[in-house]
Amino acid sequence: MHLEFYAQEVHYAEALGGDIIQVSFQEYPDPEVDYNKSDFQLPPSVKRIFFSANYEFPPCATHVDWCDGEEEDGGELIKEIELTNRSLKMTLKNNYSFNVSFKTDDITFQKIKCFLTG
């Protein structure tokens, strides 16, 4: 499987002082989050990639979940990753590949880069 899209929403979040980290790249903003876009209509299919790690209980690995716009899957580990300030290219251990274009602020990008590429 190969998934390619432009992420209008890029999100980085930490909990428990950084012990839990979540990163998401999503084709369209989440309709349940107030983005002051009350007229925003979510299309029926939303492509997304979601990364998560819980450092509270070692050993820890970064898990990847995704939706191709119709079906959700996940639980895979990263085999290869290339991250720039405008794109994410990744191959998982099961050989699924992803190519995501995006735009985000420098602070969010640096946090994502540190998390995904160490």
C-alpha atoms as a PDB file:
ATOM      1  CA  MET A   1       0.000   0.000   0.000  1.00  0.00           C
ATOM      2  CA  HIS A   2       1.114   3.560  -0.746  1.00  0.00           C
ATOM      3  CA  LEU A   3      -0.590   6.596   0.779  1.00  0.00           C
ATOM      4  CA  GLU A   4       0.072  10.132  -0.440  1.00  0.00           C
ATOM      5  CA  PHE A   5      -1.655  13.376   0.582  1.00  0.00           C
ATOM      6  CA  TYR A   6      -1.268  17.003   1.653  1.00  0.00           C
ATOM      7  CA  ALA A   7      -1.802  17.502   5.413  1.00  0.00           C
ATOM      8  CA  GLN A   8      -3.687  20.685   6.210  1.00  0.00           C
ATOM      9  CA  GLU A   9      -3.403  19.854   9.917  1.00  0.00           C
ATOM     10  CA  VAL A  10      -0.099  19.005  11.613  1.00  0.00           C
ATOM     11  CA  HIS A  11      -0.248  18.450  15.350  1.00  0.00           C
ATOM     12  CA  TYR A  12       2.299  17.705  18.104  1.00  0.00           C
ATOM     13  CA  ALA A  13       1.250  16.998  21.694  1.00  0.00           C
ATOM     14  CA  GLU A  14       2.947  15.894  24.911  1.00  0.00           C
ATOM     15  CA  ALA A  15       1.491  14.586  28.150  1.00  0.00           C
ATOM     16  CA  LEU A  16       2.954  13.639  31.523  1.00  0.00           C
ATOM     17  CA  GLY A  17       5.962  15.929  31.061  1.00  0.00           C
ATOM     18  CA  GLY A  18       6.891  14.418  27.718  1.00  0.00           C
ATOM     19  CA  ASP A  19       6.436  10.760  28.679  1.00  0.00           C
ATOM     20  CA  ILE A  20       3.644  10.430  26.121  1.00  0.00           C
ATOM     21  CA  ILE A  21       4.055  11.999  22.685  1.00  0.00           C
ATOM     22  CA  GLN A  22       1.546  12.107  19.844  1.00  0.00           C
ATOM     23  CA  VAL A  23       2.052  13.504  16.346  1.00  0.00           C
ATOM     24  CA  SER A  24      -0.506  13.608  13.569  1.00  0.00           C
ATOM     25  CA  PHE A  25      -0.598  14.619   9.925  1.00  0.00           C
ATOM     26  CA  GLN A  26      -4.177  14.903   8.710  1.00  0.00           C
ATOM     27  CA  GLU A  27      -5.603  15.775   5.307  1.00  0.00           C
ATOM     28  CA  TYR A  28      -8.294  18.044   6.803  1.00  0.00           C
ATOM     29  CA  PRO A  29      -8.698  19.527  10.297  1.00  0.00           C
ATOM     30  CA  ASP A  30     -10.614  17.482  12.838  1.00  0.00           C
ATOM     31  CA  PRO A  31     -14.238  18.678  12.899  1.00  0.00           C
ATOM     32  CA  GLU A  32     -14.509  18.068  16.655  1.00  0.00           C
ATOM     33  CA  VAL A  33     -11.764  20.593  17.397  1.00  0.00           C
ATOM     34  CA  ASP A  34     -12.802  24.256  17.322  1.00  0.00           C
ATOM     35  CA  TYR A  35     -10.709  25.939  14.651  1.00  0.00           C
ATOM     36  CA  ASN A  36     -13.160  28.863  14.368  1.00  0.00           C
ATOM     37  CA  LYS A  37     -14.364  27.288  11.147  1.00  0.00           C
ATOM     38  CA  SER A  38     -17.971  26.601  11.993  1.00  0.00           C
ATOM     39  CA  ASP A  39     -18.792  26.269   8.298  1.00  0.00           C
ATOM     40  CA  PHE A  40     -16.078  23.663   7.659  1.00  0.00           C
ATOM     41  CA  GLN A  41     -17.541  20.497   6.178  1.00  0.00           C
ATOM     42  CA  LEU A  42     -15.417  17.380   6.546  1.00  0.00           C
ATOM     43  CA  PRO A  43     -15.403  15.304   3.384  1.00  0.00           C
ATOM     44  CA  PRO A  44     -16.308  11.640   3.751  1.00  0.00           C
ATOM     45  CA  SER A  45     -12.691  10.484   3.503  1.00  0.00           C
ATOM     46  CA  VAL A  46      -9.854  11.895   5.598  1.00  0.00           C
ATOM     47  CA  LYS A  47      -6.346  10.586   5.122  1.00  0.00           C
ATOM     48  CA  ARG A  48      -4.096  10.726   8.161  1.00  0.00           C
ATOM     49  CA  ILE A  49      -1.000   9.331   9.848  1.00  0.00           C
ATOM     50  CA  PHE A  50      -0.722   9.192  13.632  1.00  0.00           C
ATOM     51  CA  PHE A  51       2.480   8.534  15.600  1.00  0.00           C
ATOM     52  CA  SER A  52       2.549   7.753  19.304  1.00  0.00           C
ATOM     53  CA  ALA A  53       5.078   6.782  21.940  1.00  0.00           C
ATOM     54  CA  ASN A  54       4.810   6.170  25.672  1.00  0.00           C
ATOM     55  CA  TYR A  55       8.192   6.595  27.376  1.00  0.00           C
ATOM     56  CA  GLU A  56       6.672   6.041  30.807  1.00  0.00           C
ATOM     57  CA  PHE A  57       6.969   2.241  30.460  1.00  0.00           C
ATOM     58  CA  PRO A  58      10.206   1.180  28.668  1.00  0.00           C
ATOM     59  CA  PRO A  59      11.090  -0.297  26.306  1.00  0.00           C
ATOM     60  CA  CYS A  60       9.394   2.179  24.037  1.00  0.00           C
ATOM     61  CA  ALA A  61       8.854   2.243  20.287  1.00  0.00           C
ATOM     62  CA  THR A  62       7.116   4.750  18.075  1.00  0.00           C
ATOM     63  CA  HIS A  63       3.920   3.218  16.727  1.00  0.00           C
ATOM     64  CA  VAL A  64       2.252   4.311  13.512  1.00  0.00           C
ATOM     65  CA  ASP A  65      -1.460   4.246  12.700  1.00  0.00           C
ATOM     66  CA  TRP A  66      -3.080   5.531   9.522  1.00  0.00           C
ATOM     67  CA  CYS A  67      -6.248   5.928   7.542  1.00  0.00           C
ATOM     68  CA  ASP A  68      -6.275   5.871   3.742  1.00  0.00           C
ATOM     69  CA  GLY A  69      -9.550   7.761   3.687  1.00  0.00           C
ATOM     70  CA  GLU A  70     -11.660   4.631   3.954  1.00  0.00           C
ATOM     71  CA  GLU A  71      -9.956   2.036   6.125  1.00  0.00           C
ATOM     72  CA  GLU A  72      -7.882   2.418   9.271  1.00  0.00           C
ATOM     73  CA  ASP A  73      -4.883   0.277  10.137  1.00  0.00           C
ATOM     74  CA  GLY A  74      -1.820   0.529  12.306  1.00  0.00           C
ATOM     75  CA  GLY A  75       0.441  -0.774  14.991  1.00  0.00           C
ATOM     76  CA  GLU A  76       3.433  -0.897  12.663  1.00  0.00           C
ATOM     77  CA  LEU A  77       6.986   0.269  13.301  1.00  0.00           C
ATOM     78  CA  ILE A  78       9.068   2.590  11.122  1.00  0.00           C
ATOM     79  CA  LYS A  79      11.637   1.046   8.782  1.00  0.00           C
ATOM     80  CA  GLU A  80      12.871   4.238   7.046  1.00  0.00           C
ATOM     81  CA  ILE A  81      11.938   7.879   7.442  1.00  0.00           C
ATOM     82  CA  GLU A  82      12.909  11.093   5.691  1.00  0.00           C
ATOM     83  CA  LEU A  83      11.580  14.339   7.123  1.00  0.00           C
ATOM     84  CA  THR A  84      12.002  17.879   5.795  1.00  0.00           C
ATOM     85  CA  ASN A  85      10.161  21.029   6.803  1.00  0.00           C
ATOM     86  CA  ARG A  86       7.688  20.392   3.950  1.00  0.00           C
ATOM     87  CA  SER A  87       7.460  16.615   3.530  1.00  0.00           C
ATOM     88  CA  LEU A  88       7.442  13.262   5.291  1.00  0.00           C
ATOM     89  CA  LYS A  89       8.486  10.141   3.387  1.00  0.00           C
ATOM     90  CA  MET A  90       8.314   6.896   5.281  1.00  0.00           C
ATOM     91  CA  THR A  91       8.372   3.144   4.824  1.00  0.00           C
ATOM     92  CA  LEU A  92       7.109   0.821   7.540  1.00  0.00           C
ATOM     93  CA  LYS A  93       8.390  -2.627   8.474  1.00  0.00           C
ATOM     94  CA  ASN A  94       5.502  -4.149   6.468  1.00  0.00           C
ATOM     95  CA  ASN A  95       6.745  -2.146   3.408  1.00  0.00           C
ATOM     96  CA  TYR A  96       3.736   0.215   3.334  1.00  0.00           C
ATOM     97  CA  SER A  97       4.924   3.622   2.144  1.00  0.00           C
ATOM     98  CA  PHE A  98       3.758   7.163   2.830  1.00  0.00           C
ATOM     99  CA  ASN A  99       4.465  10.520   1.218  1.00  0.00           C
ATOM    100  CA  VAL A 100       2.927  13.495   3.020  1.00  0.00           C
ATOM    101  CA  SER A 101       3.372  17.144   2.082  1.00  0.00           C
ATOM    102  CA  PHE A 102       2.594  19.718   4.775  1.00  0.00           C
ATOM    103  CA  LYS A 103       3.243  23.183   6.138  1.00  0.00           C
ATOM    104  CA  THR A 104       3.711  24.001   9.818  1.00  0.00           C
ATOM    105  CA  ASP A 105       5.490  26.510  12.051  1.00  0.00           C
ATOM    106  CA  ASP A 106       9.176  26.085  12.919  1.00  0.00           C
ATOM    107  CA  ILE A 107       8.605  25.201  16.590  1.00  0.00           C
ATOM    108  CA  THR A 108       6.166  22.391  15.763  1.00  0.00           C
ATOM    109  CA  PHE A 109       8.446  21.091  13.012  1.00  0.00           C
ATOM    110  CA  GLN A 110      11.488  21.000  15.319  1.00  0.00           C
ATOM    111  CA  LYS A 111       9.533  19.060  17.965  1.00  0.00           C
ATOM    112  CA  ILE A 112       8.290  16.580  15.338  1.00  0.00           C
ATOM    113  CA  LYS A 113      11.775  16.225  13.867  1.00  0.00           C
ATOM    114  CA  CYS A 114      13.299  15.545  17.288  1.00  0.00           C
ATOM    115  CA  PHE A 115      10.623  12.954  18.049  1.00  0.00           C
ATOM    116  CA  LEU A 116      10.653  11.108  14.697  1.00  0.00           C
ATOM    117  CA  THR A 117      14.331  11.259  13.762  1.00  0.00           C
ATOM    118  CA  GLY A 118      15.902  11.556  17.202  1.00  0.00           C
END
